[in-house]
């Protein structure tokens, strides 16, 4: 994830990875390895943010956005399931009320015949 964010920034700034490594006083292979393994020290992360002109939090914003999106999807799914259950309960209630109306009409008919 970190690797993709850094590569995206480098592409936007039209800079190669070697340039970033030089600016950070690292070897290109060392930088690439720490990005791939996501094993970069926070001090190097802060330096990289300074070199790329972004806040250190920028490297974590993608993760936060993915988590937020997943939470939104989960919340909407839970709301949908709740509404689906309410709909099923409402359908059952409608059928019960229809049955009660039919029973009421039969009782009225029977009472009418009994009075005649």
PDB file of N, CA and C in Angstrom:
ATOM      1  N   UNK A   1       0.831  -1.188   0.000  1.00  0.00           N
ATOM      2  CA  UNK A   1       0.000   0.000   0.000  1.00  0.00           C
ATOM      3  C   UNK A   1       0.876   1.252   0.000  1.00  0.00           C
ATOM      4  N   UNK A   2       1.854   1.289   0.914  1.00  0.00           N
ATOM      5  CA  UNK A   2       2.758   2.443   0.989  1.00  0.00           C
ATOM      6  C   UNK A   2       3.501   2.608  -0.326  1.00  0.00           C
ATOM      7  N   UNK A   3       3.925   1.490  -0.890  1.00  0.00           N
ATOM      8  CA  UNK A   3       4.664   1.523  -2.147  1.00  0.00           C
ATOM      9  C   UNK A   3       3.834   2.188  -3.244  1.00  0.00           C
ATOM     10  N   UNK A   4       2.561   1.808  -3.340  1.00  0.00           N
ATOM     11  CA  UNK A   4       1.697   2.382  -4.374  1.00  0.00           C
ATOM     12  C   UNK A   4       1.497   3.882  -4.168  1.00  0.00           C
ATOM     13  N   UNK A   5       1.368   4.295  -2.914  1.00  0.00           N
ATOM     14  CA  UNK A   5       1.173   5.720  -2.622  1.00  0.00           C
ATOM     15  C   UNK A   5       2.407   6.508  -3.028  1.00  0.00           C
ATOM     16  N   UNK A   6       3.589   5.988  -2.685  1.00  0.00           N
ATOM     17  CA  UNK A   6       4.839   6.678  -3.021  1.00  0.00           C
ATOM     18  C   UNK A   6       5.031   6.722  -4.532  1.00  0.00           C
ATOM     19  N   UNK A   7       4.778   5.608  -5.205  1.00  0.00           N
ATOM     20  CA  UNK A   7       4.932   5.584  -6.662  1.00  0.00           C
ATOM     21  C   UNK A   7       3.968   6.556  -7.338  1.00  0.00           C
ATOM     22  N   UNK A   8       2.784   6.658  -6.791  1.00  0.00           N
ATOM     23  CA  UNK A   8       1.802   7.606  -7.344  1.00  0.00           C
ATOM     24  C   UNK A   8       2.304   9.033  -7.188  1.00  0.00           C
ATOM     25  N   UNK A   9       2.826   9.353  -6.008  1.00  0.00           N
ATOM     26  CA  UNK A   9       3.369  10.700  -5.782  1.00  0.00           C
ATOM     27  C   UNK A   9       4.540  10.982  -6.715  1.00  0.00           C
ATOM     28  N   UNK A  10       5.426  10.013  -6.868  1.00  0.00           N
ATOM     29  CA  UNK A  10       6.571  10.204  -7.766  1.00  0.00           C
ATOM     30  C   UNK A  10       6.111  10.428  -9.202  1.00  0.00           C
ATOM     31  N   UNK A  11       5.103   9.689  -9.619  1.00  0.00           N
ATOM     32  CA  UNK A  11       4.590   9.850 -10.983  1.00  0.00           C
ATOM     33  C   UNK A  11       3.968  11.237 -11.157  1.00  0.00           C
ATOM     34  N   UNK A  12       3.197  11.671 -10.142  1.00  0.00           N
ATOM     35  CA  UNK A  12       2.579  13.003 -10.219  1.00  0.00           C
ATOM     36  C   UNK A  12       3.627  14.102 -10.285  1.00  0.00           C
ATOM     37  N   UNK A  13       4.754  13.895  -9.596  1.00  0.00           N
ATOM     38  CA  UNK A  13       5.816  14.902  -9.570  1.00  0.00           C
ATOM     39  C   UNK A  13       6.858  14.668 -10.667  1.00  0.00           C
ATOM     40  N   UNK A  14       6.612  13.640 -11.495  1.00  0.00           N
ATOM     41  CA  UNK A  14       7.506  13.301 -12.597  1.00  0.00           C
ATOM     42  C   UNK A  14       8.943  13.102 -12.110  1.00  0.00           C
ATOM     43  N   UNK A  15       9.065  12.293 -11.056  1.00  0.00           N
ATOM     44  CA  UNK A  15      10.371  12.005 -10.457  1.00  0.00           C
ATOM     45  C   UNK A  15      10.574  10.492 -10.389  1.00  0.00           C
ATOM     46  N   UNK A  16      11.822  10.024 -10.562  1.00  0.00           N
ATOM     47  CA  UNK A  16      12.093   8.586 -10.431  1.00  0.00           C
ATOM     48  C   UNK A  16      12.360   8.195  -8.978  1.00  0.00           C
ATOM     49  N   UNK A  17      12.284   6.915  -8.720  1.00  0.00           N
ATOM     50  CA  UNK A  17      12.551   6.400  -7.379  1.00  0.00           C
ATOM     51  C   UNK A  17      13.992   6.683  -6.962  1.00  0.00           C
ATOM     52  N   UNK A  18      14.902   6.622  -7.921  1.00  0.00           N
ATOM     53  CA  UNK A  18      16.308   6.906  -7.635  1.00  0.00           C
ATOM     54  C   UNK A  18      16.506   8.305  -7.078  1.00  0.00           C
ATOM     55  N   UNK A  19      15.774   9.262  -7.605  1.00  0.00           N
ATOM     56  CA  UNK A  19      15.851  10.639  -7.098  1.00  0.00           C
ATOM     57  C   UNK A  19      15.436  10.699  -5.631  1.00  0.00           C
ATOM     58  N   UNK A  20      14.314  10.028  -5.319  1.00  0.00           N
ATOM     59  CA  UNK A  20      13.831  10.018  -3.937  1.00  0.00           C
ATOM     60  C   UNK A  20      14.850   9.363  -3.015  1.00  0.00           C
ATOM     61  N   UNK A  21      15.435   8.257  -3.469  1.00  0.00           N
ATOM     62  CA  UNK A  21      16.440   7.559  -2.663  1.00  0.00           C
ATOM     63  C   UNK A  21      17.643   8.466  -2.400  1.00  0.00           C
ATOM     64  N   UNK A  22      18.083   9.169  -3.418  1.00  0.00           N
ATOM     65  CA  UNK A  22      19.221  10.080  -3.256  1.00  0.00           C
ATOM     66  C   UNK A  22      18.888  11.194  -2.276  1.00  0.00           C
ATOM     67  N   UNK A  23      17.707  11.766  -2.406  1.00  0.00           N
ATOM     68  CA  UNK A  23      17.284  12.849  -1.510  1.00  0.00           C
ATOM     69  C   UNK A  23      17.186  12.378  -0.065  1.00  0.00           C
ATOM     70  N   UNK A  24      16.886  11.092   0.110  1.00  0.00           N
ATOM     71  CA  UNK A  24      16.737  10.543   1.457  1.00  0.00           C
ATOM     72  C   UNK A  24      18.039   9.907   1.959  1.00  0.00           C
ATOM     73  N   UNK A  25      19.103  10.004   1.151  1.00  0.00           N
ATOM     74  CA  UNK A  25      20.395   9.418   1.490  1.00  0.00           C
ATOM     75  C   UNK A  25      20.280   7.909   1.698  1.00  0.00           C
ATOM     76  N   UNK A  26      19.549   7.274   0.772  1.00  0.00           N
ATOM     77  CA  UNK A  26      19.371   5.822   0.787  1.00  0.00           C
ATOM     78  C   UNK A  26      19.753   5.291  -0.585  1.00  0.00           C
ATOM     79  N   UNK A  27      19.954   3.988  -0.664  1.00  0.00           N
ATOM     80  CA  UNK A  27      20.154   3.376  -1.976  1.00  0.00           C
ATOM     81  C   UNK A  27      18.782   3.111  -2.583  1.00  0.00           C
ATOM     82  N   UNK A  28      18.672   3.138  -3.907  1.00  0.00           N
ATOM     83  CA  UNK A  28      17.379   2.831  -4.528  1.00  0.00           C
ATOM     84  C   UNK A  28      16.855   1.447  -4.129  1.00  0.00           C
ATOM     85  N   UNK A  29      17.765   0.463  -4.049  1.00  0.00           N
ATOM     86  CA  UNK A  29      17.337  -0.881  -3.657  1.00  0.00           C
ATOM     87  C   UNK A  29      16.842  -0.908  -2.208  1.00  0.00           C
ATOM     88  N   UNK A  30      17.547  -0.192  -1.331  1.00  0.00           N
ATOM     89  CA  UNK A  30      17.134  -0.138   0.078  1.00  0.00           C
ATOM     90  C   UNK A  30      15.781   0.524   0.231  1.00  0.00           C
ATOM     91  N   UNK A  31      15.574   1.617  -0.507  1.00  0.00           N
ATOM     92  CA  UNK A  31      14.280   2.311  -0.449  1.00  0.00           C
ATOM     93  C   UNK A  31      13.172   1.413  -0.990  1.00  0.00           C
ATOM     94  N   UNK A  32      13.438   0.789  -2.126  1.00  0.00           N
ATOM     95  CA  UNK A  32      12.429  -0.086  -2.736  1.00  0.00           C
ATOM     96  C   UNK A  32      12.075  -1.244  -1.804  1.00  0.00           C
ATOM     97  N   UNK A  33      13.085  -1.826  -1.167  1.00  0.00           N
ATOM     98  CA  UNK A  33      12.854  -2.934  -0.249  1.00  0.00           C
ATOM     99  C   UNK A  33      12.028  -2.492   0.960  1.00  0.00           C
ATOM    100  N   UNK A  34      12.344  -1.320   1.513  1.00  0.00           N
ATOM    101  CA  UNK A  34      11.582  -0.856   2.679  1.00  0.00           C
ATOM    102  C   UNK A  34      10.147  -0.490   2.294  1.00  0.00           C
ATOM    103  N   UNK A  35       9.940  -0.034   1.071  1.00  0.00           N
ATOM    104  CA  UNK A  35       8.572   0.245   0.605  1.00  0.00           C
ATOM    105  C   UNK A  35       7.797  -1.048   0.366  1.00  0.00           C
ATOM    106  N   UNK A  36       8.465  -2.017  -0.244  1.00  0.00           N
ATOM    107  CA  UNK A  36       7.817  -3.287  -0.539  1.00  0.00           C
ATOM    108  C   UNK A  36       7.443  -4.025   0.741  1.00  0.00           C
ATOM    109  N   UNK A  37       8.369  -4.046   1.696  1.00  0.00           N
ATOM    110  CA  UNK A  37       8.128  -4.750   2.960  1.00  0.00           C
ATOM    111  C   UNK A  37       7.344  -3.910   3.972  1.00  0.00           C
ATOM    112  N   UNK A  38       7.128  -2.649   3.613  1.00  0.00           N
ATOM    113  CA  UNK A  38       6.493  -1.680   4.527  1.00  0.00           C
ATOM    114  C   UNK A  38       7.189  -1.704   5.878  1.00  0.00           C
ATOM    115  N   UNK A  39       8.525  -1.622   5.827  1.00  0.00           N
ATOM    116  CA  UNK A  39       9.329  -1.680   7.041  1.00  0.00           C
ATOM    117  C   UNK A  39      10.111  -0.395   7.266  1.00  0.00           C
ATOM    118  N   UNK A  40       9.606   0.693   6.741  1.00  0.00           N
ATOM    119  CA  UNK A  40      10.294   1.963   6.840  1.00  0.00           C
ATOM    120  C   UNK A  40      10.152   2.542   8.249  1.00  0.00           C
ATOM    121  N   UNK A  41      11.248   3.096   8.748  1.00  0.00           N
ATOM    122  CA  UNK A  41      11.212   3.762  10.049  1.00  0.00           C
ATOM    123  C   UNK A  41      10.421   5.059   9.920  1.00  0.00           C
ATOM    124  N   UNK A  42       9.836   5.475  11.029  1.00  0.00           N
ATOM    125  CA  UNK A  42       9.018   6.687  10.993  1.00  0.00           C
ATOM    126  C   UNK A  42       9.859   7.913  10.647  1.00  0.00           C
ATOM    127  N   UNK A  43      11.119   7.942  11.112  1.00  0.00           N
ATOM    128  CA  UNK A  43      11.973   9.088  10.776  1.00  0.00           C
ATOM    129  C   UNK A  43      12.194   9.166   9.264  1.00  0.00           C
ATOM    130  N   UNK A  44      12.377   8.007   8.614  1.00  0.00           N
ATOM    131  CA  UNK A  44      12.513   8.000   7.151  1.00  0.00           C
ATOM    132  C   UNK A  44      11.201   8.369   6.470  1.00  0.00           C
ATOM    133  N   UNK A  45      10.104   7.963   7.082  1.00  0.00           N
ATOM    134  CA  UNK A  45       8.794   8.305   6.534  1.00  0.00           C
ATOM    135  C   UNK A  45       8.579   9.821   6.594  1.00  0.00           C
ATOM    136  N   UNK A  46       8.968  10.424   7.705  1.00  0.00           N
ATOM    137  CA  UNK A  46       8.858  11.892   7.833  1.00  0.00           C
ATOM    138  C   UNK A  46       9.758  12.585   6.817  1.00  0.00           C
ATOM    139  N   UNK A  47      10.973  12.077   6.640  1.00  0.00           N
ATOM    140  CA  UNK A  47      11.890  12.654   5.659  1.00  0.00           C
ATOM    141  C   UNK A  47      11.319  12.528   4.252  1.00  0.00           C
ATOM    142  N   UNK A  48      10.780  11.358   3.944  1.00  0.00           N
ATOM    143  CA  UNK A  48      10.186  11.137   2.628  1.00  0.00           C
ATOM    144  C   UNK A  48       9.015  12.098   2.401  1.00  0.00           C
ATOM    145  N   UNK A  49       8.215  12.314   3.422  1.00  0.00           N
ATOM    146  CA  UNK A  49       7.096  13.253   3.305  1.00  0.00           C
ATOM    147  C   UNK A  49       7.606  14.658   3.020  1.00  0.00           C
ATOM    148  N   UNK A  50       8.673  15.051   3.693  1.00  0.00           N
ATOM    149  CA  UNK A  50       9.262  16.383   3.463  1.00  0.00           C
ATOM    150  C   UNK A  50       9.773  16.500   2.030  1.00  0.00           C
ATOM    151  N   UNK A  51      10.492  15.489   1.562  1.00  0.00           N
ATOM    152  CA  UNK A  51      11.051  15.508   0.208  1.00  0.00           C
ATOM    153  C   UNK A  51       9.937  15.565  -0.836  1.00  0.00           C
ATOM    154  N   UNK A  52       8.849  14.839  -0.583  1.00  0.00           N
ATOM    155  CA  UNK A  52       7.741  14.790  -1.547  1.00  0.00           C
ATOM    156  C   UNK A  52       6.705  15.902  -1.330  1.00  0.00           C
ATOM    157  N   UNK A  53       6.949  16.752  -0.345  1.00  0.00           N
ATOM    158  CA  UNK A  53       6.062  17.889  -0.041  1.00  0.00           C
ATOM    159  C   UNK A  53       4.641  17.462   0.332  1.00  0.00           C
ATOM    160  N   UNK A  54       4.546  16.455   1.190  1.00  0.00           N
ATOM    161  CA  UNK A  54       3.255  16.031   1.722  1.00  0.00           C
ATOM    162  C   UNK A  54       3.401  15.841   3.226  1.00  0.00           C
ATOM    163  N   UNK A  55       2.285  15.802   3.913  1.00  0.00           N
ATOM    164  CA  UNK A  55       2.298  15.515   5.349  1.00  0.00           C
ATOM    165  C   UNK A  55       2.501  14.009   5.537  1.00  0.00           C
ATOM    166  N   UNK A  56       3.152  13.595   6.620  1.00  0.00           N
ATOM    167  CA  UNK A  56       3.334  12.154   6.857  1.00  0.00           C
ATOM    168  C   UNK A  56       2.016  11.385   6.872  1.00  0.00           C
ATOM    169  N   UNK A  57       0.944  12.042   7.294  1.00  0.00           N
ATOM    170  CA  UNK A  57      -0.365  11.388   7.347  1.00  0.00           C
ATOM    171  C   UNK A  57      -0.848  10.972   5.960  1.00  0.00           C
ATOM    172  N   UNK A  58      -0.326  11.626   4.938  1.00  0.00           N
ATOM    173  CA  UNK A  58      -0.746  11.322   3.572  1.00  0.00           C
ATOM    174  C   UNK A  58      -0.524   9.856   3.235  1.00  0.00           C
ATOM    175  N   UNK A  59       0.548   9.287   3.775  1.00  0.00           N
ATOM    176  CA  UNK A  59       0.866   7.898   3.478  1.00  0.00           C
ATOM    177  C   UNK A  59      -0.130   6.930   4.098  1.00  0.00           C
ATOM    178  N   UNK A  60      -0.909   7.416   5.049  1.00  0.00           N
ATOM    179  CA  UNK A  60      -1.883   6.560   5.719  1.00  0.00           C
ATOM    180  C   UNK A  60      -3.310   6.887   5.307  1.00  0.00           C
ATOM    181  N   UNK A  61      -3.505   7.929   4.522  1.00  0.00           N
ATOM    182  CA  UNK A  61      -4.859   8.350   4.152  1.00  0.00           C
ATOM    183  C   UNK A  61      -5.569   7.306   3.315  1.00  0.00           C
ATOM    184  N   UNK A  62      -4.830   6.569   2.476  1.00  0.00           N
ATOM    185  CA  UNK A  62      -5.454   5.523   1.662  1.00  0.00           C
ATOM    186  C   UNK A  62      -6.014   4.420   2.526  1.00  0.00           C
ATOM    187  N   UNK A  63      -5.280   4.058   3.558  1.00  0.00           N
ATOM    188  CA  UNK A  63      -5.745   3.017   4.476  1.00  0.00           C
ATOM    189  C   UNK A  63      -7.000   3.494   5.193  1.00  0.00           C
ATOM    190  N   UNK A  64      -6.956   4.742   5.662  1.00  0.00           N
ATOM    191  CA  UNK A  64      -8.106   5.310   6.359  1.00  0.00           C
ATOM    192  C   UNK A  64      -9.317   5.371   5.436  1.00  0.00           C
ATOM    193  N   UNK A  65      -9.088   5.757   4.193  1.00  0.00           N
ATOM    194  CA  UNK A  65     -10.197   5.834   3.234  1.00  0.00           C
ATOM    195  C   UNK A  65     -10.786   4.453   2.975  1.00  0.00           C
ATOM    196  N   UNK A  66      -9.930   3.439   2.854  1.00  0.00           N
ATOM    197  CA  UNK A  66     -10.432   2.082   2.627  1.00  0.00           C
ATOM    198  C   UNK A  66     -11.231   1.585   3.822  1.00  0.00           C
ATOM    199  N   UNK A  67     -10.722   1.859   5.010  1.00  0.00           N
ATOM    200  CA  UNK A  67     -11.433   1.440   6.219  1.00  0.00           C
ATOM    201  C   UNK A  67     -12.770   2.165   6.311  1.00  0.00           C
ATOM    202  N   UNK A  68     -12.766   3.465   6.038  1.00  0.00           N
ATOM    203  CA  UNK A  68     -14.009   4.234   6.077  1.00  0.00           C
ATOM    204  C   UNK A  68     -15.002   3.701   5.054  1.00  0.00           C
ATOM    205  N   UNK A  69     -14.521   3.392   3.858  1.00  0.00           N
ATOM    206  CA  UNK A  69     -15.404   2.863   2.822  1.00  0.00           C
ATOM    207  C   UNK A  69     -15.973   1.513   3.238  1.00  0.00           C
ATOM    208  N   UNK A  70     -15.132   0.672   3.814  1.00  0.00           N
ATOM    209  CA  UNK A  70     -15.606  -0.630   4.286  1.00  0.00           C
ATOM    210  C   UNK A  70     -16.638  -0.468   5.385  1.00  0.00           C
ATOM    211  N   UNK A  71     -16.407   0.492   6.284  1.00  0.00           N
ATOM    212  CA  UNK A  71     -17.373   0.741   7.355  1.00  0.00           C
ATOM    213  C   UNK A  71     -18.698   1.238   6.803  1.00  0.00           C
ATOM    214  N   UNK A  72     -18.641   2.097   5.791  1.00  0.00           N
ATOM    215  CA  UNK A  72     -19.868   2.607   5.176  1.00  0.00           C
ATOM    216  C   UNK A  72     -20.637   1.452   4.536  1.00  0.00           C
ATOM    217  N   UNK A  73     -19.924   0.598   3.821  1.00  0.00           N
ATOM    218  CA  UNK A  73     -20.573  -0.547   3.175  1.00  0.00           C
ATOM    219  C   UNK A  73     -21.199  -1.452   4.232  1.00  0.00           C
ATOM    220  N   UNK A  74     -20.460  -1.715   5.313  1.00  0.00           N
ATOM    221  CA  UNK A  74     -20.993  -2.562   6.383  1.00  0.00           C
ATOM    222  C   UNK A  74     -22.217  -1.928   7.035  1.00  0.00           C
ATOM    223  N   UNK A  75     -22.166  -0.603   7.271  1.00  0.00           N
ATOM    224  CA  UNK A  75     -23.311   0.086   7.860  1.00  0.00           C
ATOM    225  C   UNK A  75     -24.521   0.025   6.942  1.00  0.00           C
ATOM    226  N   UNK A  76     -24.300   0.238   5.644  1.00  0.00           N
ATOM    227  CA  UNK A  76     -25.408   0.196   4.694  1.00  0.00           C
ATOM    228  C   UNK A  76     -25.964  -1.218   4.572  1.00  0.00           C
ATOM    229  N   UNK A  77     -25.092  -2.203   4.622  1.00  0.00           N
ATOM    230  CA  UNK A  77     -25.538  -3.591   4.564  1.00  0.00           C
ATOM    231  C   UNK A  77     -26.381  -3.927   5.790  1.00  0.00           C
ATOM    232  N   UNK A  78     -25.938  -3.489   6.963  1.00  0.00           N
ATOM    233  CA  UNK A  78     -26.701  -3.732   8.190  1.00  0.00           C
ATOM    234  C   UNK A  78     -28.052  -3.024   8.128  1.00  0.00           C
ATOM    235  N   UNK A  79     -28.069  -1.791   7.617  1.00  0.00           N
ATOM    236  CA  UNK A  79     -29.327  -1.054   7.482  1.00  0.00           C
ATOM    237  C   UNK A  79     -30.250  -1.761   6.498  1.00  0.00           C
ATOM    238  N   UNK A  80     -29.695  -2.255   5.393  1.00  0.00           N
ATOM    239  CA  UNK A  80     -30.493  -2.973   4.399  1.00  0.00           C
ATOM    240  C   UNK A  80     -31.095  -4.239   5.007  1.00  0.00           C
ATOM    241  N   UNK A  81     -30.287  -4.980   5.742  1.00  0.00           N
ATOM    242  CA  UNK A  81     -30.781  -6.205   6.365  1.00  0.00           C
ATOM    243  C   UNK A  81     -31.878  -5.896   7.380  1.00  0.00           C
ATOM    244  N   UNK A  82     -31.701  -4.792   8.128  1.00  0.00           N
ATOM    245  CA  UNK A  82     -32.723  -4.380   9.095  1.00  0.00           C
ATOM    246  C   UNK A  82     -34.019  -4.030   8.372  1.00  0.00           C
ATOM    247  N   UNK A  83     -33.920  -3.280   7.277  1.00  0.00           N
ATOM    248  CA  UNK A  83     -35.111  -2.916   6.505  1.00  0.00           C
ATOM    249  C   UNK A  83     -35.778  -4.148   5.893  1.00  0.00           C
ATOM    250  N   UNK A  84     -34.961  -5.091   5.455  1.00  0.00           N
ATOM    251  CA  UNK A  84     -35.503  -6.326   4.892  1.00  0.00           C
ATOM    252  C   UNK A  84     -36.298  -7.099   5.944  1.00  0.00           C
ATOM    253  N   UNK A  85     -35.782  -7.142   7.173  1.00  0.00           N
ATOM    254  CA  UNK A  85     -36.491  -7.814   8.264  1.00  0.00           C
ATOM    255  C   UNK A  85     -37.789  -7.080   8.597  1.00  0.00           C
ATOM    256  N   UNK A  86     -37.730  -5.739   8.600  1.00  0.00           N
ATOM    257  CA  UNK A  86     -38.939  -4.961   8.872  1.00  0.00           C
ATOM    258  C   UNK A  86     -39.987  -5.185   7.788  1.00  0.00           C
ATOM    259  N   UNK A  87     -39.541  -5.278   6.543  1.00  0.00           N
ATOM    260  CA  UNK A  87     -40.470  -5.526   5.433  1.00  0.00           C
ATOM    261  C   UNK A  87     -41.139  -6.887   5.601  1.00  0.00           C
ATOM    262  N   UNK A  88     -40.371  -7.897   5.949  1.00  0.00           N
ATOM    263  CA  UNK A  88     -40.938  -9.231   6.164  1.00  0.00           C
ATOM    264  C   UNK A  88     -41.940  -9.207   7.318  1.00  0.00           C
ATOM    265  N   UNK A  89     -41.599  -8.498   8.391  1.00  0.00           N
ATOM    266  CA  UNK A  89     -42.513  -8.403   9.532  1.00  0.00           C
ATOM    267  C   UNK A  89     -43.777  -7.646   9.138  1.00  0.00           C
ATOM    268  N   UNK A  90     -43.638  -6.606   8.334  1.00  0.00           N
ATOM    269  CA  UNK A  90     -44.800  -5.828   7.886  1.00  0.00           C
ATOM    270  C   UNK A  90     -45.707  -6.675   6.997  1.00  0.00           C
ATOM    271  N   UNK A  91     -45.115  -7.470   6.109  1.00  0.00           N
ATOM    272  CA  UNK A  91     -45.920  -8.346   5.245  1.00  0.00           C
ATOM    273  C   UNK A  91     -46.701  -9.342   6.091  1.00  0.00           C
ATOM    274  N   UNK A  92     -46.051  -9.882   7.112  1.00  0.00           N
ATOM    275  CA  UNK A  92     -46.726 -10.833   8.002  1.00  0.00           C
ATOM    276  C   UNK A  92     -47.874 -10.142   8.746  1.00  0.00           C
ATOM    277  N   UNK A  93     -47.653  -8.916   9.187  1.00  0.00           N
ATOM    278  CA  UNK A  93     -48.690  -8.157   9.877  1.00  0.00           C
ATOM    279  C   UNK A  93     -49.866  -7.865   8.951  1.00  0.00           C
ATOM    280  N   UNK A  94     -49.594  -7.524   7.702  1.00  0.00           N
ATOM    281  CA  UNK A  94     -50.656  -7.265   6.725  1.00  0.00           C
ATOM    282  C   UNK A  94     -51.498  -8.511   6.528  1.00  0.00           C
ATOM    283  N   UNK A  95     -50.860  -9.666   6.395  1.00  0.00           N
ATOM    284  CA  UNK A  95     -51.600 -10.921   6.222  1.00  0.00           C
ATOM    285  C   UNK A  95     -52.457 -11.219   7.455  1.00  0.00           C
ATOM    286  N   UNK A  96     -51.922 -10.967   8.633  1.00  0.00           N
ATOM    287  CA  UNK A  96     -52.689 -11.182   9.874  1.00  0.00           C
ATOM    288  C   UNK A  96     -53.898 -10.265   9.913  1.00  0.00           C
ATOM    289  N   UNK A  97     -53.715  -8.997   9.560  1.00  0.00           N
ATOM    290  CA  UNK A  97     -54.831  -8.045   9.562  1.00  0.00           C
ATOM    291  C   UNK A  97     -55.883  -8.420   8.520  1.00  0.00           C
ATOM    292  N   UNK A  98     -55.472  -8.883   7.348  1.00  0.00           N
ATOM    293  CA  UNK A  98     -56.423  -9.320   6.323  1.00  0.00           C
ATOM    294  C   UNK A  98     -57.233 -10.509   6.829  1.00  0.00           C
ATOM    295  N   UNK A  99     -56.552 -11.423   7.500  1.00  0.00           N
ATOM    296  CA  UNK A  99     -57.230 -12.592   8.065  1.00  0.00           C
ATOM    297  C   UNK A  99     -58.248 -12.160   9.121  1.00  0.00           C
ATOM    298  N   UNK A 100     -57.884 -11.196   9.953  1.00  0.00           N
ATOM    299  CA  UNK A 100     -58.804 -10.695  10.976  1.00  0.00           C
ATOM    300  C   UNK A 100     -60.011 -10.013  10.343  1.00  0.00           C
ATOM    301  N   UNK A 101     -59.797  -9.294   9.250  1.00  0.00           N
ATOM    302  CA  UNK A 101     -60.918  -8.657   8.550  1.00  0.00           C
ATOM    303  C   UNK A 101     -61.874  -9.704   7.971  1.00  0.00           C
ATOM    304  N   UNK A 102     -61.320 -10.763   7.381  1.00  0.00           N
ATOM    305  CA  UNK A 102     -62.170 -11.838   6.859  1.00  0.00           C
ATOM    306  C   UNK A 102     -62.968 -12.478   8.003  1.00  0.00           C
ATOM    307  N   UNK A 103     -62.304 -12.729   9.131  1.00  0.00           N
ATOM    308  CA  UNK A 103     -62.980 -13.311  10.289  1.00  0.00           C
ATOM    309  C   UNK A 103     -64.083 -12.383  10.792  1.00  0.00           C
ATOM    310  N   UNK A 104     -63.815 -11.094  10.830  1.00  0.00           N
ATOM    311  CA  UNK A 104     -64.807 -10.107  11.280  1.00  0.00           C
ATOM    312  C   UNK A 104     -66.027 -10.130  10.363  1.00  0.00           C
ATOM    313  N   UNK A 105     -65.779 -10.181   9.055  1.00  0.00           N
ATOM    314  CA  UNK A 105     -66.889 -10.224   8.101  1.00  0.00           C
ATOM    315  C   UNK A 105     -67.720 -11.501   8.272  1.00  0.00           C
ATOM    316  N   UNK A 106     -67.100 -12.622   8.531  1.00  0.00           N
ATOM    317  CA  UNK A 106     -67.823 -13.882   8.760  1.00  0.00           C
ATOM    318  C   UNK A 106     -68.660 -13.800  10.035  1.00  0.00           C
ATOM    319  N   UNK A 107     -68.077 -13.221  11.076  1.00  0.00           N
ATOM    320  CA  UNK A 107     -68.820 -13.081  12.342  1.00  0.00           C
ATOM    321  C   UNK A 107     -70.040 -12.201  12.144  1.00  0.00           C
ATOM    322  N   UNK A 108     -69.870 -11.102  11.394  1.00  0.00           N
ATOM    323  CA  UNK A 108     -71.007 -10.206  11.130  1.00  0.00           C
ATOM    324  C   UNK A 108     -72.074 -10.939  10.330  1.00  0.00           C
ATOM    325  N   UNK A 109     -71.674 -11.718   9.329  1.00  0.00           N
ATOM    326  CA  UNK A 109     -72.630 -12.489   8.539  1.00  0.00           C
ATOM    327  C   UNK A 109     -73.372 -13.502   9.415  1.00  0.00           C
ATOM    328  N   UNK A 110     -72.652 -14.195  10.281  1.00  0.00           N
ATOM    329  CA  UNK A 110     -73.270 -15.190  11.157  1.00  0.00           C
ATOM    330  C   UNK A 110     -74.243 -14.539  12.141  1.00  0.00           C
ATOM    331  N   UNK A 111     -73.855 -13.374  12.689  1.00  0.00           N
ATOM    332  CA  UNK A 111     -74.738 -12.655  13.611  1.00  0.00           C
ATOM    333  C   UNK A 111     -75.984 -12.173  12.893  1.00  0.00           C
ATOM    334  N   UNK A 112     -75.811 -11.742  11.632  1.00  0.00           N
ATOM    335  CA  UNK A 112     -76.961 -11.301  10.856  1.00  0.00           C
ATOM    336  C   UNK A 112     -77.932 -12.425  10.575  1.00  0.00           C
ATOM    337  N   UNK A 113     -77.420 -13.623  10.273  1.00  0.00           N
ATOM    338  CA  UNK A 113     -78.268 -14.780  10.025  1.00  0.00           C
ATOM    339  C   UNK A 113     -78.922 -15.256  11.305  1.00  0.00           C
ATOM    340  N   UNK A 114     -78.220 -15.131  12.442  1.00  0.00           N
ATOM    341  CA  UNK A 114     -78.782 -15.581  13.714  1.00  0.00           C
ATOM    342  C   UNK A 114     -79.917 -14.660  14.138  1.00  0.00           C
ATOM    343  N   UNK A 115     -79.900 -13.403  13.811  1.00  0.00           N
ATOM    344  CA  UNK A 115     -80.965 -12.460  14.187  1.00  0.00           C
ATOM    345  C   UNK A 115     -82.186 -12.590  13.295  1.00  0.00           C
ATOM    346  N   UNK A 116     -82.061 -13.227  12.171  1.00  0.00           N
ATOM    347  CA  UNK A 116     -83.206 -13.381  11.265  1.00  0.00           C
ATOM    348  C   UNK A 116     -83.961 -14.614  11.513  1.00  0.00           C
TER     349      UNK A 116
END
